């Protein structure tokens, strides 16, 4: 099988270093090959109002629990 990308190295010798291509960055390569996809806009208000209230309630419960723990430590 003939494959020019493969080459044979001596087993107990250090491998040669693959030279870097300085002409093009990875980002530029992705853009030029159409492999870079733009991010979609992030909408911050994705949650319905009910979900926001539920999350706020859960956060309040944790804060109350922390207060109870600090009171127990003072005793």
Protein backbone atom coordinates (compact mmCIF):
# COMPACT_ATOMS: atom_id res chain seq x y z
CA UNK A 1 0.00 0.00 0.00
CA UNK A 2 1.41 3.38 -0.97
CA UNK A 3 0.58 6.29 1.35
CA UNK A 4 2.81 9.40 1.17
CA UNK A 5 1.54 10.63 4.56
CA UNK A 6 3.07 7.60 6.28
CA UNK A 7 6.78 7.24 6.83
CA UNK A 8 8.93 4.81 8.73
CA UNK A 9 10.95 5.87 11.78
CA UNK A 10 13.58 3.85 13.62
CA UNK A 11 12.09 2.28 16.75
CA UNK A 12 14.66 3.49 19.27
CA UNK A 13 15.38 6.85 17.68
CA UNK A 14 13.52 10.04 18.56
CA UNK A 15 10.82 10.88 16.07
CA UNK A 16 11.30 13.89 13.86
CA UNK A 17 9.18 16.93 14.59
CA UNK A 18 6.39 17.71 12.15
CA UNK A 19 6.99 21.22 10.78
CA UNK A 20 4.31 23.81 11.44
CA UNK A 21 2.57 25.56 8.58
CA UNK A 22 3.03 29.21 9.47
CA UNK A 23 0.97 30.53 6.59
CA UNK A 24 -2.47 29.82 7.99
CA UNK A 25 -4.06 29.71 11.43
CA UNK A 26 -6.57 27.08 12.44
CA UNK A 27 -9.31 29.70 12.60
CA UNK A 28 -8.51 30.90 9.09
CA UNK A 29 -8.49 27.30 7.82
CA UNK A 30 -11.91 26.63 9.37
CA UNK A 31 -13.34 29.79 7.82
CA UNK A 32 -11.88 29.11 4.38
CA UNK A 33 -13.23 25.54 4.29
CA UNK A 34 -16.70 26.53 5.47
CA UNK A 35 -16.34 24.54 8.68
CA UNK A 36 -16.73 27.45 11.08
CA UNK A 37 -20.34 27.97 12.07
CA UNK A 38 -21.45 31.31 13.54
CA UNK A 39 -23.00 31.25 16.98
CA UNK A 40 -26.72 31.64 17.19
CA UNK A 41 -27.97 34.62 19.13
CA UNK A 42 -28.56 33.85 22.78
CA UNK A 43 -31.91 34.95 24.09
CA UNK A 44 -31.72 35.62 27.82
CA UNK A 45 -35.46 35.57 28.42
CA UNK A 46 -36.04 31.94 27.39
CA UNK A 47 -37.74 30.88 30.63
CA UNK A 48 -41.45 31.43 31.13
CA UNK A 49 -42.47 33.52 34.13
CA UNK A 50 -43.60 30.42 36.04
CA UNK A 51 -40.16 28.86 35.76
CA UNK A 52 -38.47 32.05 36.95
CA UNK A 53 -40.75 32.18 40.00
CA UNK A 54 -40.08 28.52 40.73
CA UNK A 55 -36.34 29.07 40.55
CA UNK A 56 -36.62 32.12 42.79
CA UNK A 57 -38.62 30.08 45.31
CA UNK A 58 -35.99 27.35 45.31
CA UNK A 59 -33.26 29.89 45.84
CA UNK A 60 -35.16 31.42 48.78
CA UNK A 61 -35.55 28.01 50.42
CA UNK A 62 -31.81 27.41 50.25
CA UNK A 63 -31.12 30.81 51.80
CA UNK A 64 -33.52 30.04 54.67
CA UNK A 65 -31.85 26.65 55.20
CA UNK A 66 -28.45 28.32 55.41
CA UNK A 67 -29.77 30.72 58.05
CA UNK A 68 -31.04 27.77 60.10
CA UNK A 69 -27.63 26.12 59.90
CA UNK A 70 -25.84 29.22 61.14
CA UNK A 71 -28.30 29.46 64.07
CA UNK A 72 -27.56 25.84 64.97
CA UNK A 73 -23.82 26.51 64.97
CA UNK A 74 -24.26 29.44 67.37
CA UNK A 75 -25.94 27.18 69.99
